[in-house]
Amino acid sequence: NIRNANDTFVNTAALMHNLDLIITVDTAVGHLAGALGRPVWLILAYS
């Protein structure tokens, strides 16, 4: 758990730049990783 004192998306984005891969369900985390051009795997419901 790499915590940031300021819990904003820009801090999450900085963390993503230090990761090799992001794995997430269909949330804003997936959109953020994609918009940053980071490798991201999205796990989706059947529908």
All heavy atoms as atom14 arrays in JSON, in Angstrom:
{
  "sequence": "NIRNANDTFVNTAALMHNLDLIITVDTAVGHLAGALGRPVWLILAYS",
  "atom14_mask": [
    [1, 1, 1, 1, 1, 1, 1, 1, 0, 0, 0, 0, 0, 0],
    [1, 1, 1, 1, 1, 1, 1, 1, 0, 0, 0, 0, 0, 0],
    [1, 1, 1, 1, 1, 1, 1, 1, 1, 1, 1, 0, 0, 0],
    [1, 1, 1, 1, 1, 1, 1, 1, 0, 0, 0, 0, 0, 0],
    [1, 1, 1, 1, 1, 0, 0, 0, 0, 0, 0, 0, 0, 0],
    [1, 1, 1, 1, 1, 1, 1, 1, 0, 0, 0, 0, 0, 0],
    [1, 1, 1, 1, 1, 1, 1, 1, 0, 0, 0, 0, 0, 0],
    [1, 1, 1, 1, 1, 1, 1, 0, 0, 0, 0, 0, 0, 0],
    [1, 1, 1, 1, 1, 1, 1, 1, 1, 1, 1, 0, 0, 0],
    [1, 1, 1, 1, 1, 1, 1, 0, 0, 0, 0, 0, 0, 0],
    [1, 1, 1, 1, 1, 1, 1, 1, 0, 0, 0, 0, 0, 0],
    [1, 1, 1, 1, 1, 1, 1, 0, 0, 0, 0, 0, 0, 0],
    [1, 1, 1, 1, 1, 0, 0, 0, 0, 0, 0, 0, 0, 0],
    [1, 1, 1, 1, 1, 0, 0, 0, 0, 0, 0, 0, 0, 0],
    [1, 1, 1, 1, 1, 1, 1, 1, 0, 0, 0, 0, 0, 0],
    [1, 1, 1, 1, 1, 1, 1, 1, 0, 0, 0, 0, 0, 0],
    [1, 1, 1, 1, 1, 1, 1, 1, 1, 1, 0, 0, 0, 0],
    [1, 1, 1, 1, 1, 1, 1, 1, 0, 0, 0, 0, 0, 0],
    [1, 1, 1, 1, 1, 1, 1, 1, 0, 0, 0, 0, 0, 0],
    [1, 1, 1, 1, 1, 1, 1, 1, 0, 0, 0, 0, 0, 0],
    [1, 1, 1, 1, 1, 1, 1, 1, 0, 0, 0, 0, 0, 0],
    [1, 1, 1, 1, 1, 1, 1, 1, 0, 0, 0, 0, 0, 0],
    [1, 1, 1, 1, 1, 1, 1, 1, 0, 0, 0, 0, 0, 0],
    [1, 1, 1, 1, 1, 1, 1, 0, 0, 0, 0, 0, 0, 0],
    [1, 1, 1, 1, 1, 1, 1, 0, 0, 0, 0, 0, 0, 0],
    [1, 1, 1, 1, 1, 1, 1, 1, 0, 0, 0, 0, 0, 0],
    [1, 1, 1, 1, 1, 1, 1, 0, 0, 0, 0, 0, 0, 0],
    [1, 1, 1, 1, 1, 0, 0, 0, 0, 0, 0, 0, 0, 0],
    [1, 1, 1, 1, 1, 1, 1, 0, 0, 0, 0, 0, 0, 0],
    [1, 1, 1, 1, 0, 0, 0, 0, 0, 0, 0, 0, 0, 0],
    [1, 1, 1, 1, 1, 1, 1, 1, 1, 1, 0, 0, 0, 0],
    [1, 1, 1, 1, 1, 1, 1, 1, 0, 0, 0, 0, 0, 0],
    [1, 1, 1, 1, 1, 0, 0, 0, 0, 0, 0, 0, 0, 0],
    [1, 1, 1, 1, 0, 0, 0, 0, 0, 0, 0, 0, 0, 0],
    [1, 1, 1, 1, 1, 0, 0, 0, 0, 0, 0, 0, 0, 0],
    [1, 1, 1, 1, 1, 1, 1, 1, 0, 0, 0, 0, 0, 0],
    [1, 1, 1, 1, 0, 0, 0, 0, 0, 0, 0, 0, 0, 0],
    [1, 1, 1, 1, 1, 1, 1, 1, 1, 1, 1, 0, 0, 0],
    [1, 1, 1, 1, 1, 1, 1, 0, 0, 0, 0, 0, 0, 0],
    [1, 1, 1, 1, 1, 1, 1, 0, 0, 0, 0, 0, 0, 0],
    [1, 1, 1, 1, 1, 1, 1, 1, 1, 1, 1, 1, 1, 1],
    [1, 1, 1, 1, 1, 1, 1, 1, 0, 0, 0, 0, 0, 0],
    [1, 1, 1, 1, 1, 1, 1, 1, 0, 0, 0, 0, 0, 0],
    [1, 1, 1, 1, 1, 1, 1, 1, 0, 0, 0, 0, 0, 0],
    [1, 1, 1, 1, 1, 0, 0, 0, 0, 0, 0, 0, 0, 0],
    [1, 1, 1, 1, 1, 1, 1, 1, 1, 1, 1, 1, 0, 0],
    [1, 1, 1, 1, 1, 1, 0, 0, 0, 0, 0, 0, 0, 0]
  ],
  "atom14_positions": [
    [[0.86, -1.18, 0.0], [0.0, 0.0, 0.0], [0.9, 1.23, 0.0], [1.47, 1.59, 1.02], [-0.93, 0.01, 1.21], [-1.94, 1.13, 1.16], [-2.13, 1.76, 0.12], [-2.6, 1.39, 2.27], [0.0, 0.0, 0.0], [0.0, 0.0, 0.0], [0.0, 0.0, 0.0], [0.0, 0.0, 0.0], [0.0, 0.0, 0.0], [0.0, 0.0, 0.0]],
    [[1.06, 1.84, -1.17], [1.9, 3.03, -1.31], [1.01, 4.25, -1.11], [0.33, 4.71, -2.02], [2.57, 3.09, -2.7], [3.24, 1.75, -3.01], [3.56, 4.24, -2.77], [4.35, 1.37, -2.06], [0.0, 0.0, 0.0], [0.0, 0.0, 0.0], [0.0, 0.0, 0.0], [0.0, 0.0, 0.0], [0.0, 0.0, 0.0], [0.0, 0.0, 0.0]],
    [[0.99, 4.77, 0.08], [0.04, 5.84, 0.42], [0.57, 7.22, 0.03], [1.76, 7.47, 0.05], [-0.26, 5.83, 1.93], [-1.02, 4.59, 2.38], [-1.41, 4.72, 3.85], [-2.16, 3.56, 4.3], [-3.48, 3.43, 4.15], [-4.16, 4.37, 3.55], [-4.1, 2.34, 4.6], [0.0, 0.0, 0.0], [0.0, 0.0, 0.0], [0.0, 0.0, 0.0]],
    [[-0.37, 8.1, -0.34], [-0.07, 9.5, -0.57], [-0.87, 10.32, 0.44], [-2.03, 9.98, 0.75], [-0.46, 9.93, -1.99], [0.52, 9.43, -3.02], [1.65, 9.88, -3.08], [0.11, 8.47, -3.83], [0.0, 0.0, 0.0], [0.0, 0.0, 0.0], [0.0, 0.0, 0.0], [0.0, 0.0, 0.0], [0.0, 0.0, 0.0], [0.0, 0.0, 0.0]],
    [[-0.27, 11.37, 0.93], [-0.97, 12.21, 1.9], [-2.21, 12.84, 1.29], [-3.23, 13.01, 1.95], [-0.03, 13.3, 2.42], [0.0, 0.0, 0.0], [0.0, 0.0, 0.0], [0.0, 0.0, 0.0], [0.0, 0.0, 0.0], [0.0, 0.0, 0.0], [0.0, 0.0, 0.0], [0.0, 0.0, 0.0], [0.0, 0.0, 0.0], [0.0, 0.0, 0.0]],
    [[-2.14, 13.18, 0.0], [-3.26, 13.82, -0.69], [-3.91, 12.81, -1.62], [-3.34, 12.42, -2.63], [-2.74, 15.03, -1.48], [-3.88, 15.83, -2.1], [-5.04, 15.65, -1.75], [-3.53, 16.71, -3.03], [0.0, 0.0, 0.0], [0.0, 0.0, 0.0], [0.0, 0.0, 0.0], [0.0, 0.0, 0.0], [0.0, 0.0, 0.0], [0.0, 0.0, 0.0]],
    [[-5.1, 12.36, -1.27], [-5.77, 11.29, -2.01], [-6.49, 11.84, -3.23], [-7.71, 12.0, -3.24], [-6.74, 10.57, -1.09], [-7.41, 9.38, -1.78], [-6.84, 8.88, -2.76], [-8.51, 8.99, -1.35], [0.0, 0.0, 0.0], [0.0, 0.0, 0.0], [0.0, 0.0, 0.0], [0.0, 0.0, 0.0], [0.0, 0.0, 0.0], [0.0, 0.0, 0.0]],
    [[-5.74, 12.17, -4.28], [-6.33, 12.65, -5.52], [-5.9, 11.74, -6.66], [-5.0, 10.92, -6.53], [-5.89, 14.09, -5.83], [-4.47, 14.11, -6.02], [-6.28, 15.04, -4.7], [0.0, 0.0, 0.0], [0.0, 0.0, 0.0], [0.0, 0.0, 0.0], [0.0, 0.0, 0.0], [0.0, 0.0, 0.0], [0.0, 0.0, 0.0], [0.0, 0.0, 0.0]],
    [[-6.56, 11.91, -7.8], [-6.25, 11.07, -8.94], [-4.85, 11.34, -9.48], [-4.23, 10.45, -10.06], [-7.3, 11.28, -10.05], [-8.55, 10.49, -9.83], [-9.59, 11.0, -9.06], [-8.71, 9.24, -10.39], [-10.75, 10.27, -8.86], [-9.85, 8.49, -10.2], [-10.88, 9.01, -9.42], [0.0, 0.0, 0.0], [0.0, 0.0, 0.0], [0.0, 0.0, 0.0]],
    [[-4.33, 12.55, -9.3], [-3.01, 12.83, -9.82], [-1.96, 12.02, -9.07], [-0.96, 11.58, -9.66], [-2.71, 14.36, -9.76], [-2.47, 14.83, -8.34], [-1.53, 14.7, -10.66], [0.0, 0.0, 0.0], [0.0, 0.0, 0.0], [0.0, 0.0, 0.0], [0.0, 0.0, 0.0], [0.0, 0.0, 0.0], [0.0, 0.0, 0.0], [0.0, 0.0, 0.0]],
    [[-2.17, 11.76, -7.8], [-1.25, 10.91, -7.05], [-1.37, 9.45, -7.46], [-0.37, 8.74, -7.53], [-1.5, 11.06, -5.54], [-0.96, 12.37, -5.0], [0.23, 12.64, -5.1], [-1.84, 13.18, -4.46], [0.0, 0.0, 0.0], [0.0, 0.0, 0.0], [0.0, 0.0, 0.0], [0.0, 0.0, 0.0], [0.0, 0.0, 0.0], [0.0, 0.0, 0.0]],
    [[-2.6, 9.01, -7.74], [-2.78, 7.66, -8.25], [-2.11, 7.52, -9.61], [-1.5, 6.5, -9.92], [-4.28, 7.32, -8.37], [-4.9, 7.44, -7.09], [-4.48, 5.9, -8.87], [0.0, 0.0, 0.0], [0.0, 0.0, 0.0], [0.0, 0.0, 0.0], [0.0, 0.0, 0.0], [0.0, 0.0, 0.0], [0.0, 0.0, 0.0], [0.0, 0.0, 0.0]],
    [[-2.21, 8.56, -10.43], [-1.56, 8.54, -11.74], [-0.05, 8.42, -11.6], [0.6, 7.68, -12.35], [-1.93, 9.81, -12.52], [0.0, 0.0, 0.0], [0.0, 0.0, 0.0], [0.0, 0.0, 0.0], [0.0, 0.0, 0.0], [0.0, 0.0, 0.0], [0.0, 0.0, 0.0], [0.0, 0.0, 0.0], [0.0, 0.0, 0.0], [0.0, 0.0, 0.0]],
    [[0.53, 9.15, -10.66], [1.98, 9.05, -10.43], [2.37, 7.64, -10.01], [3.41, 7.11, -10.43], [2.41, 10.06, -9.38], [0.0, 0.0, 0.0], [0.0, 0.0, 0.0], [0.0, 0.0, 0.0], [0.0, 0.0, 0.0], [0.0, 0.0, 0.0], [0.0, 0.0, 0.0], [0.0, 0.0, 0.0], [0.0, 0.0, 0.0], [0.0, 0.0, 0.0]],
    [[1.54, 7.02, -9.19], [1.8, 5.64, -8.77], [1.75, 4.7, -9.96], [2.59, 3.81, -10.11], [0.77, 5.23, -7.71], [0.82, 3.79, -7.2], [2.21, 3.43, -6.7], [-0.22, 3.59, -6.11], [0.0, 0.0, 0.0], [0.0, 0.0, 0.0], [0.0, 0.0, 0.0], [0.0, 0.0, 0.0], [0.0, 0.0, 0.0], [0.0, 0.0, 0.0]],
    [[0.79, 4.91, -10.85], [0.66, 4.05, -12.04], [1.91, 4.11, -12.92], [2.26, 3.11, -13.56], [-0.57, 4.46, -12.85], [-1.88, 4.07, -12.21], [-3.29, 4.59, -13.23], [-4.65, 3.85, -12.31], [0.0, 0.0, 0.0], [0.0, 0.0, 0.0], [0.0, 0.0, 0.0], [0.0, 0.0, 0.0], [0.0, 0.0, 0.0], [0.0, 0.0, 0.0]],
    [[2.57, 5.24, -12.94], [3.79, 5.37, -13.73], [4.95, 4.58, -13.14], [5.99, 4.44, -13.79], [4.18, 6.84, -13.87], [3.5, 7.54, -14.99], [3.74, 7.23, -16.32], [2.55, 8.52, -15.01], [2.99, 8.01, -17.1], [2.27, 8.78, -16.33], [0.0, 0.0, 0.0], [0.0, 0.0, 0.0], [0.0, 0.0, 0.0], [0.0, 0.0, 0.0]],
    [[4.77, 4.08, -11.93], [5.79, 3.25, -11.31], [5.39, 1.78, -11.27], [6.02, 0.98, -10.57], [6.07, 3.77, -9.89], [6.81, 5.09, -9.9], [8.0, 5.12, -10.19], [6.11, 6.17, -9.63], [0.0, 0.0, 0.0], [0.0, 0.0, 0.0], [0.0, 0.0, 0.0], [0.0, 0.0, 0.0], [0.0, 0.0, 0.0], [0.0, 0.0, 0.0]],
    [[4.36, 1.42, -11.99], [3.89, 0.04, -12.07], [4.1, -0.5, -13.48], [4.09, 0.24, -14.46], [2.4, -0.03, -11.71], [2.01, 0.45, -10.31], [0.49, 0.46, -10.17], [2.64, -0.42, -9.24], [0.0, 0.0, 0.0], [0.0, 0.0, 0.0], [0.0, 0.0, 0.0], [0.0, 0.0, 0.0], [0.0, 0.0, 0.0], [0.0, 0.0, 0.0]],
    [[4.29, -1.8, -13.57], [4.41, -2.45, -14.88], [3.05, -2.7, -15.51], [2.92, -2.75, -16.73], [5.14, -3.79, -14.73], [6.55, -3.63, -14.2], [7.39, -3.09, -14.94], [6.81, -4.01, -13.04], [0.0, 0.0, 0.0], [0.0, 0.0, 0.0], [0.0, 0.0, 0.0], [0.0, 0.0, 0.0], [0.0, 0.0, 0.0], [0.0, 0.0, 0.0]],
    [[2.03, -2.88, -14.68], [0.71, -3.28, -15.17], [-0.34, -2.91, -14.13], [-0.07, -2.95, -12.92], [0.69, -4.79, -15.41], [-0.63, -5.45, -15.82], [-1.08, -4.95, -17.19], [-0.5, -6.97, -15.82], [0.0, 0.0, 0.0], [0.0, 0.0, 0.0], [0.0, 0.0, 0.0], [0.0, 0.0, 0.0], [0.0, 0.0, 0.0], [0.0, 0.0, 0.0]],
    [[-1.53, -2.54, -14.6], [-2.68, -2.29, -13.73], [-3.76, -3.3, -14.08], [-4.1, -3.48, -15.26], [-3.22, -0.86, -13.89], [-2.2, 0.17, -13.38], [-4.54, -0.69, -13.17], [-1.28, 0.71, -14.43], [0.0, 0.0, 0.0], [0.0, 0.0, 0.0], [0.0, 0.0, 0.0], [0.0, 0.0, 0.0], [0.0, 0.0, 0.0], [0.0, 0.0, 0.0]],
    [[-4.29, -3.98, -13.07], [-5.4, -4.92, -13.24], [-6.56, -4.4, -12.41], [-6.42, -4.16, -11.21], [-5.01, -6.35, -12.79], [-3.86, -6.89, -13.64], [-6.22, -7.28, -12.88], [-3.35, -8.26, -13.19], [0.0, 0.0, 0.0], [0.0, 0.0, 0.0], [0.0, 0.0, 0.0], [0.0, 0.0, 0.0], [0.0, 0.0, 0.0], [0.0, 0.0, 0.0]],
    [[-7.73, -4.24, -13.04], [-8.84, -3.6, -12.35], [-10.17, -4.07, -12.92], [-10.25, -4.53, -14.06], [-8.74, -2.07, -12.48], [-9.87, -1.46, -11.84], [-8.71, -1.63, -13.93], [0.0, 0.0, 0.0], [0.0, 0.0, 0.0], [0.0, 0.0, 0.0], [0.0, 0.0, 0.0], [0.0, 0.0, 0.0], [0.0, 0.0, 0.0], [0.0, 0.0, 0.0]],
    [[-11.21, -3.95, -12.1], [-12.56, -4.1, -12.62], [-12.94, -2.78, -13.28], [-12.13, -1.85, -13.36], [-13.54, -4.48, -11.48], [-13.24, -5.88, -10.97], [-13.51, -3.47, -10.35], [0.0, 0.0, 0.0], [0.0, 0.0, 0.0], [0.0, 0.0, 0.0], [0.0, 0.0, 0.0], [0.0, 0.0, 0.0], [0.0, 0.0, 0.0], [0.0, 0.0, 0.0]],
    [[-14.18, -2.68, -13.75], [-14.61, -1.53, -14.54], [-14.86, -0.32, -13.63], [-15.98, -0.05, -13.22], [-15.87, -1.9, -15.32], [-16.36, -0.77, -16.22], [-15.62, 0.22, -16.38], [-17.47, -0.89, -16.76], [0.0, 0.0, 0.0], [0.0, 0.0, 0.0], [0.0, 0.0, 0.0], [0.0, 0.0, 0.0], [0.0, 0.0, 0.0], [0.0, 0.0, 0.0]],
    [[-13.79, 0.39, -13.33], [-13.87, 1.59, -12.5], [-13.05, 2.69, -13.13], [-12.41, 2.52, -14.17], [-13.34, 1.32, -11.07], [-11.91, 1.21, -11.14], [-13.92, 0.05, -10.48], [0.0, 0.0, 0.0], [0.0, 0.0, 0.0], [0.0, 0.0, 0.0], [0.0, 0.0, 0.0], [0.0, 0.0, 0.0], [0.0, 0.0, 0.0], [0.0, 0.0, 0.0]],
    [[-13.02, 3.85, -12.46], [-12.22, 4.98, -12.94], [-10.75, 4.65, -12.99], [-10.0, 5.26, -13.77], [-12.45, 6.19, -12.04], [0.0, 0.0, 0.0], [0.0, 0.0, 0.0], [0.0, 0.0, 0.0], [0.0, 0.0, 0.0], [0.0, 0.0, 0.0], [0.0, 0.0, 0.0], [0.0, 0.0, 0.0], [0.0, 0.0, 0.0], [0.0, 0.0, 0.0]],
    [[-10.3, 3.68, -12.21], [-8.89, 3.28, -12.24], [-8.5, 2.82, -13.64], [-7.43, 3.16, -14.15], [-8.62, 2.16, -11.2], [-7.25, 1.52, -11.41], [-8.72, 2.72, -9.79], [0.0, 0.0, 0.0], [0.0, 0.0, 0.0], [0.0, 0.0, 0.0], [0.0, 0.0, 0.0], [0.0, 0.0, 0.0], [0.0, 0.0, 0.0], [0.0, 0.0, 0.0]],
    [[-9.37, 2.04, -14.28], [-9.09, 1.59, -15.64], [-9.02, 2.73, -16.63], [-8.13, 2.77, -17.5], [0.0, 0.0, 0.0], [0.0, 0.0, 0.0], [0.0, 0.0, 0.0], [0.0, 0.0, 0.0], [0.0, 0.0, 0.0], [0.0, 0.0, 0.0], [0.0, 0.0, 0.0], [0.0, 0.0, 0.0], [0.0, 0.0, 0.0], [0.0, 0.0, 0.0]],
    [[-9.94, 3.67, -16.52], [-9.93, 4.83, -17.42], [-8.68, 5.67, -17.21], [-8.07, 6.14, -18.18], [-11.18, 5.68, -17.17], [-12.45, 5.04, -17.62], [-12.86, 5.02, -18.94], [-13.42, 4.38, -16.92], [-14.03, 4.4, -19.02], [-14.37, 4.0, -17.82], [0.0, 0.0, 0.0], [0.0, 0.0, 0.0], [0.0, 0.0, 0.0], [0.0, 0.0, 0.0]],
    [[-8.29, 5.86, -15.96], [-7.1, 6.66, -15.68], [-5.86, 6.01, -16.28], [-5.05, 6.68, -16.93], [-6.94, 6.82, -14.17], [-5.75, 7.66, -13.7], [-5.85, 9.09, -14.21], [-5.64, 7.63, -12.18], [0.0, 0.0, 0.0], [0.0, 0.0, 0.0], [0.0, 0.0, 0.0], [0.0, 0.0, 0.0], [0.0, 0.0, 0.0], [0.0, 0.0, 0.0]],
    [[-5.72, 4.7, -16.08], [-4.56, 4.01, -16.64], [-4.54, 4.11, -18.16], [-3.49, 4.35, -18.77], [-4.58, 2.54, -16.2], [0.0, 0.0, 0.0], [0.0, 0.0, 0.0], [0.0, 0.0, 0.0], [0.0, 0.0, 0.0], [0.0, 0.0, 0.0], [0.0, 0.0, 0.0], [0.0, 0.0, 0.0], [0.0, 0.0, 0.0], [0.0, 0.0, 0.0]],
    [[-5.69, 3.93, -18.78], [-5.76, 4.01, -20.24], [-5.43, 5.4, -20.75], [-4.72, 5.56, -21.75], [0.0, 0.0, 0.0], [0.0, 0.0, 0.0], [0.0, 0.0, 0.0], [0.0, 0.0, 0.0], [0.0, 0.0, 0.0], [0.0, 0.0, 0.0], [0.0, 0.0, 0.0], [0.0, 0.0, 0.0], [0.0, 0.0, 0.0], [0.0, 0.0, 0.0]],
    [[-5.94, 6.43, -20.08], [-5.68, 7.81, -20.5], [-4.22, 8.19, -20.34], [-3.7, 9.04, -21.07], [-6.55, 8.77, -19.7], [0.0, 0.0, 0.0], [0.0, 0.0, 0.0], [0.0, 0.0, 0.0], [0.0, 0.0, 0.0], [0.0, 0.0, 0.0], [0.0, 0.0, 0.0], [0.0, 0.0, 0.0], [0.0, 0.0, 0.0], [0.0, 0.0, 0.0]],
    [[-3.54, 7.53, -19.4], [-2.11, 7.77, -19.19], [-1.25, 6.94, -20.14], [-0.02, 7.09, -20.17], [-1.72, 7.4, -17.76], [-2.28, 8.29, -16.64], [-2.09, 7.62, -15.29], [-1.62, 9.67, -16.67], [0.0, 0.0, 0.0], [0.0, 0.0, 0.0], [0.0, 0.0, 0.0], [0.0, 0.0, 0.0], [0.0, 0.0, 0.0], [0.0, 0.0, 0.0]],
    [[-1.88, 6.04, -20.9], [-1.13, 5.15, -21.78], [-0.44, 4.02, -21.05], [0.48, 3.39, -21.59], [0.0, 0.0, 0.0], [0.0, 0.0, 0.0], [0.0, 0.0, 0.0], [0.0, 0.0, 0.0], [0.0, 0.0, 0.0], [0.0, 0.0, 0.0], [0.0, 0.0, 0.0], [0.0, 0.0, 0.0], [0.0, 0.0, 0.0], [0.0, 0.0, 0.0]],
    [[-0.87, 3.71, -19.82], [-0.27, 2.64, -19.04], [-0.91, 1.29, -19.41], [-2.1, 1.23, -19.71], [-0.46, 2.88, -17.54], [0.07, 4.2, -17.04], [1.54, 4.38, -17.34], [2.35, 3.35, -16.7], [3.47, 2.84, -17.22], [3.91, 3.24, -18.4], [4.14, 1.93, -16.56], [0.0, 0.0, 0.0], [0.0, 0.0, 0.0], [0.0, 0.0, 0.0]],
    [[-0.13, 0.21, -19.38], [-0.71, -1.11, -19.64], [-1.76, -1.44, -18.59], [-1.48, -1.38, -17.38], [0.5, -2.05, -19.53], [1.7, -1.17, -19.76], [1.33, 0.16, -19.18], [0.0, 0.0, 0.0], [0.0, 0.0, 0.0], [0.0, 0.0, 0.0], [0.0, 0.0, 0.0], [0.0, 0.0, 0.0], [0.0, 0.0, 0.0], [0.0, 0.0, 0.0]],
    [[-2.97, -1.78, -19.02], [-4.06, -2.02, -18.08], [-4.92, -3.18, -18.58], [-5.24, -3.26, -19.76], [-4.92, -0.75, -17.87], [-5.39, -0.14, -19.18], [-6.1, -1.02, -16.93], [0.0, 0.0, 0.0], [0.0, 0.0, 0.0], [0.0, 0.0, 0.0], [0.0, 0.0, 0.0], [0.0, 0.0, 0.0], [0.0, 0.0, 0.0], [0.0, 0.0, 0.0]],
    [[-5.25, -4.08, -17.66], [-6.14, -5.2, -17.94], [-7.44, -4.96, -17.2], [-7.45, -4.81, -15.97], [-5.52, -6.52, -17.5], [-4.31, -6.91, -18.32], [-3.78, -6.26, -19.4], [-3.48, -8.05, -18.11], [-2.68, -6.91, -19.87], [-2.46, -8.02, -19.1], [-3.47, -9.09, -17.18], [-1.47, -9.0, -19.2], [-2.49, -10.07, -17.26], [-1.5, -10.02, -18.26]],
    [[-8.55, -4.95, -17.94], [-9.86, -4.66, -17.37], [-10.67, -5.96, -17.28], [-10.89, -6.63, -18.3], [-10.58, -3.64, -18.26], [-11.77, -2.91, -17.65], [-11.31, -1.96, -16.56], [-12.52, -2.13, -18.73], [0.0, 0.0, 0.0], [0.0, 0.0, 0.0], [0.0, 0.0, 0.0], [0.0, 0.0, 0.0], [0.0, 0.0, 0.0], [0.0, 0.0, 0.0]],
    [[-11.13, -6.3, -16.08], [-11.91, -7.51, -15.87], [-13.39, -7.13, -15.9], [-13.85, -6.31, -15.11], [-11.57, -8.17, -14.52], [-10.05, -8.36, -14.39], [-12.27, -9.51, -14.4], [-9.62, -8.91, -13.03], [0.0, 0.0, 0.0], [0.0, 0.0, 0.0], [0.0, 0.0, 0.0], [0.0, 0.0, 0.0], [0.0, 0.0, 0.0], [0.0, 0.0, 0.0]],
    [[-14.13, -7.74, -16.83], [-15.5, -7.31, -17.11], [-16.53, -8.37, -16.78], [-16.29, -9.57, -16.89], [-15.64, -6.95, -18.59], [-14.83, -5.75, -19.09], [-14.95, -5.63, -20.6], [-15.3, -4.47, -18.4], [0.0, 0.0, 0.0], [0.0, 0.0, 0.0], [0.0, 0.0, 0.0], [0.0, 0.0, 0.0], [0.0, 0.0, 0.0], [0.0, 0.0, 0.0]],
    [[-17.73, -7.9, -16.42], [-18.88, -8.78, -16.22], [-19.31, -9.36, -17.58], [-18.94, -8.86, -18.65], [-20.03, -8.0, -15.6], [0.0, 0.0, 0.0], [0.0, 0.0, 0.0], [0.0, 0.0, 0.0], [0.0, 0.0, 0.0], [0.0, 0.0, 0.0], [0.0, 0.0, 0.0], [0.0, 0.0, 0.0], [0.0, 0.0, 0.0], [0.0, 0.0, 0.0]],
    [[-20.1, -10.41, -17.53], [-20.57, -11.07, -18.76], [-21.35, -10.09, -19.64], [-21.22, -10.1, -20.86], [-21.45, -12.27, -18.37], [-21.95, -13.07, -19.54], [-21.09, -13.9, -20.26], [-23.28, -13.0, -19.93], [-21.55, -14.64, -21.34], [-23.75, -13.74, -21.0], [-22.88, -14.56, -21.71], [-23.34, -15.29, -22.77], [0.0, 0.0, 0.0], [0.0, 0.0, 0.0]],
    [[-22.18, -9.25, -19.02], [-22.9, -8.19, -19.74], [-22.39, -6.85, -19.22], [-22.94, -6.28, -18.28], [-24.41, -8.31, -19.52], [-24.9, -9.53, -20.02], [0.0, 0.0, 0.0], [0.0, 0.0, 0.0], [0.0, 0.0, 0.0], [0.0, 0.0, 0.0], [0.0, 0.0, 0.0], [0.0, 0.0, 0.0], [0.0, 0.0, 0.0], [0.0, 0.0, 0.0]]
  ]
}
